Protein backbone atom coordinates (compact mmCIF):
# COMPACT_ATOMS: atom_id res chain seq x y z
CA UNK A 1 -18.68 -5.81 1.06
CA UNK A 2 -15.56 -3.31 2.04
CA UNK A 3 -12.11 -3.95 1.11
CA UNK A 4 -10.40 -3.49 4.56
CA UNK A 5 -7.04 -1.47 3.57
CA UNK A 6 -3.97 -0.10 5.50
CA UNK A 7 -1.36 2.77 4.00
CA UNK A 8 1.85 2.61 4.73
CA UNK A 9 3.76 6.03 3.06
CA UNK A 10 6.42 7.92 5.22
CA UNK A 11 4.51 11.43 3.87
CA UNK A 12 1.82 12.55 5.00
CA UNK A 13 0.73 14.60 2.30
CA UNK A 14 0.94 10.88 0.16
CA UNK A 15 -1.20 9.64 2.93
CA UNK A 16 -3.85 11.98 2.81
CA UNK A 17 -3.99 12.05 -1.14
CA UNK A 18 -4.55 8.33 -1.36
CA UNK A 19 -7.42 7.92 1.01
CA UNK A 20 -9.03 11.38 -0.73
CA UNK A 21 -8.39 9.44 -3.98
CA UNK A 22 -9.64 6.30 -2.12
CA UNK A 23 -13.11 7.67 -0.41
CA UNK A 24 -13.82 9.36 -4.20
CA UNK A 25 -12.82 7.10 -6.86
CA UNK A 26 -12.66 3.66 -4.59
CA UNK A 27 -15.64 3.49 -2.12
CA UNK A 28 -15.25 0.00 -2.08
CA UNK A 29 -12.00 0.41 0.21
CA UNK A 30 -11.94 0.96 3.88
CA UNK A 31 -8.89 2.71 5.12
CA UNK A 32 -8.51 1.25 8.36
CA UNK A 33 -4.70 2.00 9.31
CA UNK A 34 -2.06 4.17 8.34
CA UNK A 35 1.46 4.44 9.19
CA UNK A 36 4.08 6.46 8.49
CA UNK A 37 7.33 3.25 8.46
CA UNK A 38 8.15 -0.05 9.10
CA UNK A 39 7.79 0.28 12.87
CA UNK A 40 4.43 1.46 12.82
CA UNK A 41 3.43 -0.79 9.70
CA UNK A 42 4.37 -4.30 10.70
CA UNK A 43 2.58 -4.09 14.14
CA UNK A 44 -0.81 -2.34 12.72
CA UNK A 45 -0.74 -5.03 9.46
CA UNK A 46 -1.11 -7.47 12.30
CA UNK A 47 -2.89 -6.29 14.42
CA UNK A 48 -5.77 -4.96 11.77
CA UNK A 49 -5.57 -8.13 9.29
CA UNK A 50 -6.06 -6.09 6.00
CA UNK A 51 -6.85 -7.52 2.99
CA UNK A 52 -5.41 -4.75 1.25
CA UNK A 53 -1.63 -2.91 1.28
CA UNK A 54 -0.82 0.47 0.00
CA UNK A 55 2.92 0.33 0.33
CA UNK A 56 5.32 2.86 -0.14
CA UNK A 57 9.34 1.41 -1.15
CA UNK A 58 11.55 4.00 0.41
CA UNK A 59 10.68 4.86 4.22
CA UNK A 60 12.35 5.55 7.44
CA UNK A 61 13.56 2.56 9.04
CA UNK A 62 13.55 0.24 6.11
CA UNK A 63 11.67 -0.27 3.27
CA UNK A 64 8.51 -1.93 1.79
CA UNK A 65 10.37 -5.39 1.33
CA UNK A 66 11.34 -5.30 4.77
CA UNK A 67 7.59 -4.63 6.12
CA UNK A 68 6.71 -7.68 3.81
CA UNK A 69 8.97 -9.80 4.80
CA UNK A 70 8.19 -9.24 8.41
CA UNK A 71 4.38 -10.08 7.50
CA UNK A 72 4.85 -13.63 6.70
CA UNK A 73 2.91 -15.48 6.17
CA UNK A 74 1.68 -12.61 3.39
CA UNK A 75 -2.27 -12.62 3.88
CA UNK A 76 -3.05 -9.73 2.35
CA UNK A 77 -2.89 -8.01 -1.26
CA UNK A 78 -0.45 -5.20 -2.37
CA UNK A 79 -0.25 -2.06 -4.18
CA UNK A 80 3.03 -0.48 -4.04
CA UNK A 81 2.61 3.15 -4.99
CA UNK A 82 6.52 4.87 -4.80
CA UNK A 83 8.45 7.68 -7.22
CA UNK A 84 11.08 4.44 -7.79
CA UNK A 85 10.10 2.82 -11.24
CA UNK A 86 13.69 0.63 -10.13
CA UNK A 87 11.84 -1.53 -7.91
CA UNK A 88 8.77 -2.67 -10.32
CA UNK A 89 10.36 -5.92 -11.03
CA UNK A 90 11.51 -6.93 -7.38
CA UNK A 91 8.01 -6.02 -6.61
CA UNK A 92 6.24 -7.93 -9.19
CA UNK A 93 8.32 -11.27 -8.06
CA UNK A 94 7.21 -10.30 -4.59
CA UNK A 95 3.92 -11.00 -6.08
CA UNK A 96 2.50 -7.33 -5.98
CA UNK A 97 -1.08 -6.82 -6.98
CA UNK A 98 -0.10 -3.53 -8.74
CA UNK A 99 2.49 -0.99 -9.15
CA UNK A 100 1.62 2.81 -9.24
CA UNK A 101 3.92 5.64 -9.60
CA UNK A 102 4.06 8.31 -8.05
CA UNK A 103 2.58 11.45 -8.75
CA UNK A 104 -0.56 8.82 -8.35
CA UNK A 105 -2.79 8.64 -11.78
CA UNK A 106 -6.58 8.20 -10.65
CA UNK A 107 -7.42 5.29 -13.65
CA UNK A 108 -3.99 3.36 -12.30
CA UNK A 109 -5.27 3.31 -9.18
CA UNK A 110 -8.89 2.40 -10.07
CA UNK A 111 -7.51 -0.09 -12.36
CA UNK A 112 -5.15 -1.36 -9.30
CA UNK A 113 -8.20 -1.45 -6.87
CA UNK A 114 -10.65 -3.42 -9.73
CA UNK A 115 -7.70 -6.11 -10.12
CA UNK A 116 -7.88 -6.90 -6.07
């Protein structure tokens, strides 16, 4: 059974790299949606109801925490993927499954997906 996932990141290249890594190293994950900011992400998550959301922290129109707040009750696991280490405590306090710093380390990504 595949884990249905949505990728939310404002950088096209970051979305593409993550999706390519998932296809190659985490075939259990099926990417069913991609969003570049909160205005796309929230309705997409509510409509597609993924089991897992890969979430960048800093984006246009708000941040990852705004996405999580808008998607309550949260019925999916979250893996944060960001260049900012200072948000890790807040992310973990919001029950993030994993927190990965960019650039993505494949071993970390595999560990995060295995945890979920």
